[in-house]
Amino acid sequence: MTPRDASDDSRWSDLDRPPLNAAALRRGLVQEGGLWREVEVVRSTGSTNSDLVALAGAGKAGEGHVLVAEEQTSGRGRLDRQWTAPARSGLFFSVLLKPAEVPVARWGWLPLLTGVAVATGLSRSAGVDTALKWPNDLLVSIGGEERKAGGILAERAGDDGVVIGVGVNVTLREGELPVPQAGSLALAGAVSTDRDPLLRAMLRSLEEWYGRWRDAGGDPSVSGLQETYAAGCATLGRTVRAELPGDRAITGEAVAVDGDGRLVIATQDGVQEPVGAGDIVHLRPV
């Protein structure tokens, strides 16, 4: 789908959900010597990830390019799950990163790094207590219930790049939720749902964490990423079921995130099995 530019949107067409101010975002984020080189806001597109991967492949986007959509009609999560929401009700954006200083074997930490950055940025700007479900979900608490308010998807862009997409539900109301397990910052009691400062906070946090990780050569321990992720991970210490490729599943306690970013599950057989890919279900205590 061809993205539609957002510059002609009226600021007053929806008082509850005004459009993003692209010019102000560029002024606040694109700085000399900084990571972010371009901030592009479009009114609607199928998937910001697909668009940015295509731009990178055509040589029209470099590291630090940010693509934001007011509406995604074909947004994708892990396992090709659809991610849809009303226009301007959330923040849907992708960034292009090219961590040349980091061995490719460590690039698997980028989705987890993004999760830490997003959670940190939102905690600061929205005043919402957030947690991370391994590997890439953002959780909030609504009425004492844990709900998903955001997700992250990383895709390779050629040999030297990674596009990371982030989707966060900001002002979704209860009747607009795609599934009962979903949530939003507004429903979680956010002190602010102004998307401009929320987006700036997330991108500044991502720039900070990415720089720290890259300066450490991608080492998750030296950069502090592994420890910080574990501290904010709601999956650790829980009984979980990992639904793995090949129709295999294991159940046990999630005890650690190892140096490769894998979730380590201790089964009842006394085996500690690292899981690098799969769908994780948090099980309720018996």
C-alpha atoms as a PDB file:
ATOM      1  CA  MET A   1       0.000   0.000   0.000  1.00  0.00           C
ATOM      2  CA  THR A   2       1.253   3.491  -0.836  1.00  0.00           C
ATOM      3  CA  PRO A   3       1.570   5.555   2.326  1.00  0.00           C
ATOM      4  CA  ARG A   4      -0.442   8.753   2.523  1.00  0.00           C
ATOM      5  CA  ASP A   5       1.327  11.801   3.891  1.00  0.00           C
ATOM      6  CA  ALA A   6      -0.109  13.160   7.123  1.00  0.00           C
ATOM      7  CA  SER A   7       0.787  16.794   6.549  1.00  0.00           C
ATOM      8  CA  ASP A   8      -2.687  17.778   5.315  1.00  0.00           C
ATOM      9  CA  ASP A   9      -4.552  16.415   8.347  1.00  0.00           C
ATOM     10  CA  SER A  10      -6.565  18.958  10.279  1.00  0.00           C
ATOM     11  CA  ARG A  11      -5.411  19.208  13.886  1.00  0.00           C
ATOM     12  CA  TRP A  12      -9.055  19.548  14.911  1.00  0.00           C
ATOM     13  CA  SER A  13     -10.790  16.734  12.990  1.00  0.00           C
ATOM     14  CA  ASP A  14     -10.783  14.571  16.142  1.00  0.00           C
ATOM     15  CA  LEU A  15     -10.279  16.469  19.370  1.00  0.00           C
ATOM     16  CA  ASP A  16      -9.604  13.267  21.311  1.00  0.00           C
ATOM     17  CA  ARG A  17      -7.043  12.004  18.784  1.00  0.00           C
ATOM     18  CA  PRO A  18      -5.168  14.860  17.102  1.00  0.00           C
ATOM     19  CA  PRO A  19      -2.513  13.974  14.507  1.00  0.00           C
ATOM     20  CA  LEU A  20       1.171  13.979  15.273  1.00  0.00           C
ATOM     21  CA  ASN A  21       3.124  17.168  14.636  1.00  0.00           C
ATOM     22  CA  ALA A  22       5.769  15.945  12.190  1.00  0.00           C
ATOM     23  CA  ALA A  23       7.710  19.222  12.090  1.00  0.00           C
ATOM     24  CA  ALA A  24       7.940  19.415  15.886  1.00  0.00           C
ATOM     25  CA  LEU A  25       9.032  15.783  16.071  1.00  0.00           C
ATOM     26  CA  ARG A  26      11.844  16.432  13.606  1.00  0.00           C
ATOM     27  CA  ARG A  27      12.974  19.506  15.534  1.00  0.00           C
ATOM     28  CA  GLY A  28      13.032  17.550  18.769  1.00  0.00           C
ATOM     29  CA  LEU A  29      14.652  14.355  17.523  1.00  0.00           C
ATOM     30  CA  VAL A  30      16.931  15.100  14.562  1.00  0.00           C
ATOM     31  CA  GLN A  31      20.063  16.536  16.137  1.00  0.00           C
ATOM     32  CA  GLU A  32      23.618  16.960  14.897  1.00  0.00           C
ATOM     33  CA  GLY A  33      25.574  13.847  15.858  1.00  0.00           C
ATOM     34  CA  GLY A  34      22.447  12.003  16.981  1.00  0.00           C
ATOM     35  CA  LEU A  35      21.044   8.689  15.810  1.00  0.00           C
ATOM     36  CA  TRP A  36      17.825   9.928  14.248  1.00  0.00           C
ATOM     37  CA  ARG A  37      18.352  11.366  10.769  1.00  0.00           C
ATOM     38  CA  GLU A  38      14.813  11.468   9.363  1.00  0.00           C
ATOM     39  CA  VAL A  39      11.354  11.358  10.957  1.00  0.00           C
ATOM     40  CA  GLU A  40       8.620  10.728   8.422  1.00  0.00           C
ATOM     41  CA  VAL A  41       4.923  10.692   9.356  1.00  0.00           C
ATOM     42  CA  VAL A  42       2.308   9.258   6.986  1.00  0.00           C
ATOM     43  CA  ARG A  43      -1.444   9.218   7.414  1.00  0.00           C
ATOM     44  CA  SER A  44      -2.029   5.554   6.596  1.00  0.00           C
ATOM     45  CA  THR A  45      -0.127   2.555   5.300  1.00  0.00           C
ATOM     46  CA  GLY A  46      -0.241  -1.206   5.361  1.00  0.00           C
ATOM     47  CA  SER A  47       2.869  -1.776   7.482  1.00  0.00           C
ATOM     48  CA  THR A  48       5.612   0.644   8.487  1.00  0.00           C
ATOM     49  CA  ASN A  49       8.018  -2.298   8.720  1.00  0.00           C
ATOM     50  CA  SER A  50       7.338  -3.411   5.144  1.00  0.00           C
ATOM     51  CA  ASP A  51       7.609   0.149   3.874  1.00  0.00           C
ATOM     52  CA  LEU A  52      10.896   0.845   5.646  1.00  0.00           C
ATOM     53  CA  VAL A  53      12.436  -2.469   4.549  1.00  0.00           C
ATOM     54  CA  ALA A  54      11.522  -1.520   0.970  1.00  0.00           C
ATOM     55  CA  LEU A  55      12.967   1.998   1.355  1.00  0.00           C
ATOM     56  CA  ALA A  56      16.195   0.565   2.746  1.00  0.00           C
ATOM     57  CA  GLY A  57      16.411  -1.934  -0.121  1.00  0.00           C
ATOM     58  CA  ALA A  58      15.978   0.876  -2.647  1.00  0.00           C
ATOM     59  CA  GLY A  59      18.708   2.933  -0.993  1.00  0.00           C
ATOM     60  CA  LYS A  60      16.191   5.589   0.095  1.00  0.00           C
ATOM     61  CA  ALA A  61      16.648   5.145   3.860  1.00  0.00           C
ATOM     62  CA  GLY A  62      19.734   4.997   6.022  1.00  0.00           C
ATOM     63  CA  GLU A  63      20.394   4.278   9.666  1.00  0.00           C
ATOM     64  CA  GLY A  64      18.278   6.467  11.894  1.00  0.00           C
ATOM     65  CA  HIS A  65      15.307   6.721   9.536  1.00  0.00           C
ATOM     66  CA  VAL A  66      12.015   6.703  11.482  1.00  0.00           C
ATOM     67  CA  LEU A  67       8.722   5.994   9.737  1.00  0.00           C
ATOM     68  CA  VAL A  68       5.517   6.666  11.692  1.00  0.00           C
ATOM     69  CA  ALA A  69       1.954   5.925  10.557  1.00  0.00           C
ATOM     70  CA  GLU A  70      -1.184   7.440  12.020  1.00  0.00           C
ATOM     71  CA  GLU A  71      -2.949   4.249  10.944  1.00  0.00           C
ATOM     72  CA  GLN A  72      -1.733   0.779   9.983  1.00  0.00           C
ATOM     73  CA  THR A  73      -4.132  -1.352   7.978  1.00  0.00           C
ATOM     74  CA  SER A  74      -1.954  -4.466   7.764  1.00  0.00           C
ATOM     75  CA  GLY A  75       0.286  -4.209  10.791  1.00  0.00           C
ATOM     76  CA  ARG A  76       2.006  -7.448  11.735  1.00  0.00           C
ATOM     77  CA  GLY A  77       3.139  -8.936  14.990  1.00  0.00           C
ATOM     78  CA  ARG A  78       5.062 -12.112  15.656  1.00  0.00           C
ATOM     79  CA  LEU A  79       3.872 -15.243  13.842  1.00  0.00           C
ATOM     80  CA  ASP A  80       2.218 -12.937  11.252  1.00  0.00           C
ATOM     81  CA  ARG A  81      -0.548 -11.955  13.665  1.00  0.00           C
ATOM     82  CA  GLN A  82      -2.492  -8.872  12.599  1.00  0.00           C
ATOM     83  CA  TRP A  83      -2.183  -5.629  14.551  1.00  0.00           C
ATOM     84  CA  THR A  84      -4.972  -3.157  13.825  1.00  0.00           C
ATOM     85  CA  ALA A  85      -6.382  -0.158  15.697  1.00  0.00           C
ATOM     86  CA  PRO A  86      -8.405   2.977  14.961  1.00  0.00           C
ATOM     87  CA  ALA A  87      -6.513   5.837  13.310  1.00  0.00           C
ATOM     88  CA  ARG A  88      -4.477   7.984  15.732  1.00  0.00           C
ATOM     89  CA  SER A  89      -5.321   5.711  18.665  1.00  0.00           C
ATOM     90  CA  GLY A  90      -1.770   4.479  19.044  1.00  0.00           C
ATOM     91  CA  LEU A  91       1.850   4.874  18.034  1.00  0.00           C
ATOM     92  CA  PHE A  92       2.917   2.701  15.121  1.00  0.00           C
ATOM     93  CA  PHE A  93       6.470   3.255  13.932  1.00  0.00           C
ATOM     94  CA  SER A  94       9.555   1.547  12.544  1.00  0.00           C
ATOM     95  CA  VAL A  95      13.227   2.465  12.721  1.00  0.00           C
ATOM     96  CA  LEU A  96      16.205   1.374  10.633  1.00  0.00           C
ATOM     97  CA  LEU A  97      19.358   0.413  12.528  1.00  0.00           C
ATOM     98  CA  LYS A  98      22.734  -0.669  11.146  1.00  0.00           C
ATOM     99  CA  PRO A  99      24.904  -1.857  14.050  1.00  0.00           C
ATOM    100  CA  ALA A 100      28.090  -2.440  12.039  1.00  0.00           C
ATOM    101  CA  GLU A 101      30.234  -2.543  15.203  1.00  0.00           C
ATOM    102  CA  VAL A 102      28.235  -5.455  16.629  1.00  0.00           C
ATOM    103  CA  PRO A 103      28.673  -9.106  15.574  1.00  0.00           C
ATOM    104  CA  VAL A 104      25.578 -10.349  13.745  1.00  0.00           C
ATOM    105  CA  ALA A 105      25.245 -13.142  16.316  1.00  0.00           C
ATOM    106  CA  ARG A 106      24.296 -10.495  18.880  1.00  0.00           C
ATOM    107  CA  TRP A 107      21.671  -8.729  16.754  1.00  0.00           C
ATOM    108  CA  GLY A 108      19.029 -10.969  18.304  1.00  0.00           C
ATOM    109  CA  TRP A 109      19.175  -8.675  21.319  1.00  0.00           C
ATOM    110  CA  LEU A 110      17.710  -5.755  19.336  1.00  0.00           C
ATOM    111  CA  PRO A 111      14.022  -6.616  19.953  1.00  0.00           C
ATOM    112  CA  LEU A 112      14.721  -7.046  23.676  1.00  0.00           C
ATOM    113  CA  LEU A 113      16.709  -3.803  23.732  1.00  0.00           C
ATOM    114  CA  THR A 114      13.797  -2.040  22.054  1.00  0.00           C
ATOM    115  CA  GLY A 115      11.440  -3.468  24.659  1.00  0.00           C
ATOM    116  CA  VAL A 116      13.577  -2.040  27.465  1.00  0.00           C
ATOM    117  CA  ALA A 117      13.761   1.325  25.706  1.00  0.00           C
ATOM    118  CA  VAL A 118      10.024   1.516  25.015  1.00  0.00           C
ATOM    119  CA  ALA A 119       9.096   0.491  28.549  1.00  0.00           C
ATOM    120  CA  THR A 120      11.545   3.001  30.027  1.00  0.00           C
ATOM    121  CA  GLY A 121      10.356   5.824  27.782  1.00  0.00           C
ATOM    122  CA  LEU A 122       6.689   5.182  28.500  1.00  0.00           C
ATOM    123  CA  SER A 123       7.220   4.878  32.236  1.00  0.00           C
ATOM    124  CA  ARG A 124       8.857   8.297  32.211  1.00  0.00           C
ATOM    125  CA  SER A 125       6.398  10.063  29.912  1.00  0.00           C
ATOM    126  CA  ALA A 126       3.074   8.319  30.558  1.00  0.00           C
ATOM    127  CA  GLY A 127       3.571   7.451  34.213  1.00  0.00           C
ATOM    128  CA  VAL A 128       2.426   3.896  33.551  1.00  0.00           C
ATOM    129  CA  ASP A 129       4.062   0.918  35.237  1.00  0.00           C
ATOM    130  CA  THR A 130       5.024  -1.330  32.336  1.00  0.00           C
ATOM    131  CA  ALA A 131       6.491  -4.820  32.143  1.00  0.00           C
ATOM    132  CA  LEU A 132       7.931  -6.981  29.371  1.00  0.00           C
ATOM    133  CA  LYS A 133       6.718 -10.396  28.331  1.00  0.00           C
ATOM    134  CA  TRP A 134       9.469 -12.333  26.606  1.00  0.00           C
ATOM    135  CA  PRO A 135      10.371 -11.778  23.885  1.00  0.00           C
ATOM    136  CA  ASN A 136       8.591  -8.667  22.669  1.00  0.00           C
ATOM    137  CA  ASP A 137       5.297  -7.734  24.353  1.00  0.00           C
ATOM    138  CA  LEU A 138       4.633  -4.660  26.484  1.00  0.00           C
ATOM    139  CA  LEU A 139       2.287  -5.335  29.405  1.00  0.00           C
ATOM    140  CA  VAL A 140       0.251  -2.951  31.539  1.00  0.00           C
ATOM    141  CA  SER A 141      -2.009  -3.566  34.510  1.00  0.00           C
ATOM    142  CA  ILE A 142      -5.718  -2.724  34.181  1.00  0.00           C
ATOM    143  CA  GLY A 143      -7.918  -3.444  37.183  1.00  0.00           C
ATOM    144  CA  GLY A 144      -5.269  -5.784  38.544  1.00  0.00           C
ATOM    145  CA  GLU A 145      -5.219  -7.739  35.291  1.00  0.00           C
ATOM    146  CA  GLU A 146      -2.159  -8.069  33.077  1.00  0.00           C
ATOM    147  CA  ARG A 147      -2.864  -6.971  29.491  1.00  0.00           C
ATOM    148  CA  LYS A 148      -0.857  -6.451  26.315  1.00  0.00           C
ATOM    149  CA  ALA A 149      -0.594  -2.821  25.235  1.00  0.00           C
ATOM    150  CA  GLY A 150       2.229  -3.074  22.731  1.00  0.00           C
ATOM    151  CA  GLY A 151       4.486  -5.277  20.676  1.00  0.00           C
ATOM    152  CA  ILE A 152       7.771  -5.276  18.769  1.00  0.00           C
ATOM    153  CA  LEU A 153       8.760  -6.914  15.485  1.00  0.00           C
ATOM    154  CA  ALA A 154      12.300  -7.012  14.046  1.00  0.00           C
ATOM    155  CA  GLU A 155      13.108  -7.820  10.431  1.00  0.00           C
ATOM    156  CA  ARG A 156      16.383  -7.908   8.504  1.00  0.00           C
ATOM    157  CA  ALA A 157      16.882  -5.191   5.906  1.00  0.00           C
ATOM    158  CA  GLY A 158      19.565  -6.405   3.552  1.00  0.00           C
ATOM    159  CA  ASP A 159      22.905  -7.650   4.862  1.00  0.00           C
ATOM    160  CA  ASP A 160      23.682  -4.721   7.124  1.00  0.00           C
ATOM    161  CA  GLY A 161      20.419  -3.516   8.618  1.00  0.00           C
ATOM    162  CA  VAL A 162      17.525  -4.328  10.893  1.00  0.00           C
ATOM    163  CA  VAL A 163      14.112  -2.683  10.830  1.00  0.00           C
ATOM    164  CA  ILE A 164      12.355  -2.704  14.175  1.00  0.00           C
ATOM    165  CA  GLY A 165       8.654  -1.977  14.347  1.00  0.00           C
ATOM    166  CA  VAL A 166       6.833  -0.863  17.477  1.00  0.00           C
ATOM    167  CA  GLY A 167       3.099  -0.688  18.058  1.00  0.00           C
ATOM    168  CA  VAL A 168       1.633   0.784  21.245  1.00  0.00           C
ATOM    169  CA  ASN A 169      -2.062   1.236  22.056  1.00  0.00           C
ATOM    170  CA  VAL A 170      -2.422   4.712  23.519  1.00  0.00           C
ATOM    171  CA  THR A 171      -6.078   5.818  23.666  1.00  0.00           C
ATOM    172  CA  LEU A 172      -7.974   2.650  22.761  1.00  0.00           C
ATOM    173  CA  ARG A 173     -11.221   2.421  24.707  1.00  0.00           C
ATOM    174  CA  GLU A 174     -12.573  -0.832  26.120  1.00  0.00           C
ATOM    175  CA  GLY A 175     -15.035  -1.268  23.257  1.00  0.00           C
ATOM    176  CA  GLU A 176     -12.287  -0.795  20.655  1.00  0.00           C
ATOM    177  CA  LEU A 177      -9.957  -3.507  21.922  1.00  0.00           C
ATOM    178  CA  PRO A 178      -9.380  -6.257  19.331  1.00  0.00           C
ATOM    179  CA  VAL A 179      -9.356  -8.963  22.028  1.00  0.00           C
ATOM    180  CA  PRO A 180     -10.221  -8.932  25.757  1.00  0.00           C
ATOM    181  CA  GLN A 181      -6.557  -9.515  26.652  1.00  0.00           C
ATOM    182  CA  ALA A 182      -5.500  -6.253  24.997  1.00  0.00           C
ATOM    183  CA  GLY A 183      -5.073  -2.948  26.800  1.00  0.00           C
ATOM    184  CA  SER A 184      -3.958   0.622  26.293  1.00  0.00           C
ATOM    185  CA  LEU A 185      -2.075   3.314  28.154  1.00  0.00           C
ATOM    186  CA  ALA A 186      -5.303   5.239  28.717  1.00  0.00           C
ATOM    187  CA  LEU A 187      -7.050   2.240  30.264  1.00  0.00           C
ATOM    188  CA  ALA A 188      -3.983   1.706  32.470  1.00  0.00           C
ATOM    189  CA  GLY A 189      -4.351   5.212  33.905  1.00  0.00           C
ATOM    190  CA  ALA A 190      -1.654   7.086  31.963  1.00  0.00           C
ATOM    191  CA  VAL A 191      -1.040  10.624  33.213  1.00  0.00           C
ATOM    192  CA  SER A 192      -0.569  11.700  29.591  1.00  0.00           C
ATOM    193  CA  THR A 193      -1.806  10.291  26.286  1.00  0.00           C
ATOM    194  CA  ASP A 194      -0.319  13.077  24.148  1.00  0.00           C
ATOM    195  CA  ARG A 195       1.393  11.001  21.476  1.00  0.00           C
ATOM    196  CA  ASP A 196       4.051  13.557  20.500  1.00  0.00           C
ATOM    197  CA  PRO A 197       5.933  13.509  23.836  1.00  0.00           C
ATOM    198  CA  LEU A 198       5.322   9.762  24.195  1.00  0.00           C
ATOM    199  CA  LEU A 199       6.981   9.098  20.841  1.00  0.00           C
ATOM    200  CA  ARG A 200       9.881  11.434  21.597  1.00  0.00           C
ATOM    201  CA  ALA A 201      10.439   9.705  24.930  1.00  0.00           C
ATOM    202  CA  MET A 202      10.511   6.252  23.366  1.00  0.00           C
ATOM    203  CA  LEU A 203      12.877   7.259  20.574  1.00  0.00           C
ATOM    204  CA  ARG A 204      15.241   9.088  22.923  1.00  0.00           C
ATOM    205  CA  SER A 205      15.314   6.064  25.202  1.00  0.00           C
ATOM    206  CA  LEU A 206      15.976   3.805  22.222  1.00  0.00           C
ATOM    207  CA  GLU A 207      18.824   6.042  21.088  1.00  0.00           C
ATOM    208  CA  GLU A 208      20.344   5.897  24.564  1.00  0.00           C
ATOM    209  CA  TRP A 209      20.114   2.106  24.908  1.00  0.00           C
ATOM    210  CA  TYR A 210      21.221   1.428  21.342  1.00  0.00           C
ATOM    211  CA  GLY A 211      24.304   3.619  21.807  1.00  0.00           C
ATOM    212  CA  ARG A 212      25.200   1.905  25.074  1.00  0.00           C
ATOM    213  CA  TRP A 213      24.786  -1.570  23.546  1.00  0.00           C
ATOM    214  CA  ARG A 214      26.687  -0.678  20.387  1.00  0.00           C
ATOM    215  CA  ASP A 215      29.560   0.896  22.354  1.00  0.00           C
ATOM    216  CA  ALA A 216      29.851  -2.410  24.264  1.00  0.00           C
ATOM    217  CA  GLY A 217      30.130  -4.341  20.995  1.00  0.00           C
ATOM    218  CA  GLY A 218      26.668  -5.762  21.584  1.00  0.00           C
ATOM    219  CA  ASP A 219      27.671  -7.420  24.846  1.00  0.00           C
ATOM    220  CA  PRO A 220      24.396  -7.613  26.827  1.00  0.00           C
ATOM    221  CA  SER A 221      26.179  -7.908  30.157  1.00  0.00           C
ATOM    222  CA  VAL A 222      28.702  -5.083  29.742  1.00  0.00           C
ATOM    223  CA  SER A 223      26.022  -2.730  28.391  1.00  0.00           C
ATOM    224  CA  GLY A 224      23.702  -3.524  31.312  1.00  0.00           C
ATOM    225  CA  LEU A 225      20.999  -4.660  28.926  1.00  0.00           C
ATOM    226  CA  GLN A 226      20.713  -8.239  30.150  1.00  0.00           C
ATOM    227  CA  GLU A 227      20.319  -7.202  33.787  1.00  0.00           C
ATOM    228  CA  THR A 228      17.845  -4.432  32.990  1.00  0.00           C
ATOM    229  CA  TYR A 229      15.730  -6.645  30.761  1.00  0.00           C
ATOM    230  CA  ALA A 230      15.572  -9.341  33.437  1.00  0.00           C
ATOM    231  CA  ALA A 231      14.547  -6.786  36.069  1.00  0.00           C
ATOM    232  CA  GLY A 232      11.602  -5.654  33.970  1.00  0.00           C
ATOM    233  CA  CYS A 233      10.580  -9.023  32.546  1.00  0.00           C
ATOM    234  CA  ALA A 234       7.225 -10.265  33.828  1.00  0.00           C
ATOM    235  CA  THR A 235       7.897 -13.722  32.381  1.00  0.00           C
ATOM    236  CA  LEU A 236      10.745 -14.591  34.745  1.00  0.00           C
ATOM    237  CA  GLY A 237       9.730 -16.490  37.849  1.00  0.00           C
ATOM    238  CA  ARG A 238       6.452 -17.538  36.232  1.00  0.00           C
ATOM    239  CA  THR A 239       5.202 -20.937  35.172  1.00  0.00           C
ATOM    240  CA  VAL A 240       4.961 -20.806  31.405  1.00  0.00           C
ATOM    241  CA  ARG A 241       4.166 -22.956  28.416  1.00  0.00           C
ATOM    242  CA  ALA A 242       6.421 -22.494  25.410  1.00  0.00           C
ATOM    243  CA  GLU A 243       4.750 -23.440  22.155  1.00  0.00           C
ATOM    244  CA  LEU A 244       7.671 -24.199  19.870  1.00  0.00           C
ATOM    245  CA  PRO A 245       8.136 -24.720  16.133  1.00  0.00           C
ATOM    246  CA  GLY A 246       7.264 -28.234  15.001  1.00  0.00           C
ATOM    247  CA  ASP A 247       4.165 -28.497  17.202  1.00  0.00           C
ATOM    248  CA  ARG A 248       6.281 -29.082  20.313  1.00  0.00           C
ATOM    249  CA  ALA A 249       5.546 -27.529  23.700  1.00  0.00           C
ATOM    250  CA  ILE A 250       7.329 -27.462  27.043  1.00  0.00           C
ATOM    251  CA  THR A 251       6.077 -26.303  30.429  1.00  0.00           C
ATOM    252  CA  GLY A 252       8.129 -25.120  33.363  1.00  0.00           C
ATOM    253  CA  GLU A 253       9.417 -22.121  35.278  1.00  0.00           C
ATOM    254  CA  ALA A 254      11.059 -19.294  33.331  1.00  0.00           C
ATOM    255  CA  VAL A 255      14.279 -18.870  35.304  1.00  0.00           C
ATOM    256  CA  ALA A 256      16.566 -16.660  33.204  1.00  0.00           C
ATOM    257  CA  VAL A 257      17.309 -14.836  29.979  1.00  0.00           C
ATOM    258  CA  ASP A 258      20.707 -16.092  28.831  1.00  0.00           C
ATOM    259  CA  GLY A 259      23.529 -14.262  27.074  1.00  0.00           C
ATOM    260  CA  ASP A 260      21.975 -14.952  23.683  1.00  0.00           C
ATOM    261  CA  GLY A 261      18.628 -13.444  24.716  1.00  0.00           C
ATOM    262  CA  ARG A 262      16.947 -16.846  24.985  1.00  0.00           C
ATOM    263  CA  LEU A 263      14.412 -17.665  27.679  1.00  0.00           C
ATOM    264  CA  VAL A 264      15.629 -20.485  29.930  1.00  0.00           C
ATOM    265  CA  ILE A 265      12.834 -22.766  31.150  1.00  0.00           C
ATOM    266  CA  ALA A 266      13.350 -25.243  33.997  1.00  0.00           C
ATOM    267  CA  THR A 267      11.095 -28.228  33.400  1.00  0.00           C
ATOM    268  CA  GLN A 268       9.763 -30.702  35.973  1.00  0.00           C
ATOM    269  CA  ASP A 269      12.327 -33.191  34.660  1.00  0.00           C
ATOM    270  CA  GLY A 270      15.107 -31.031  36.039  1.00  0.00           C
ATOM    271  CA  VAL A 271      16.238 -29.863  32.602  1.00  0.00           C
ATOM    272  CA  GLN A 272      16.959 -26.217  31.844  1.00  0.00           C
ATOM    273  CA  GLU A 273      16.025 -25.653  28.216  1.00  0.00           C
ATOM    274  CA  PRO A 274      16.814 -22.402  26.400  1.00  0.00           C
ATOM    275  CA  VAL A 275      14.091 -21.219  24.028  1.00  0.00           C
ATOM    276  CA  GLY A 276      15.072 -18.885  21.207  1.00  0.00           C
ATOM    277  CA  ALA A 277      11.780 -18.777  19.321  1.00  0.00           C
ATOM    278  CA  GLY A 278       8.233 -19.654  20.214  1.00  0.00           C
ATOM    279  CA  ASP A 279       4.991 -18.438  21.702  1.00  0.00           C
ATOM    280  CA  ILE A 280       5.089 -18.044  25.486  1.00  0.00           C
ATOM    281  CA  VAL A 281       1.924 -18.403  27.552  1.00  0.00           C
ATOM    282  CA  HIS A 282       1.907 -17.196  31.157  1.00  0.00           C
ATOM    283  CA  LEU A 283       0.085 -19.865  33.160  1.00  0.00           C
ATOM    284  CA  ARG A 284      -1.943 -19.036  36.237  1.00  0.00           C
ATOM    285  CA  PRO A 285      -0.783 -20.574  39.521  1.00  0.00           C
ATOM    286  CA  VAL A 286      -2.684 -23.720  40.417  1.00  0.00           C
END
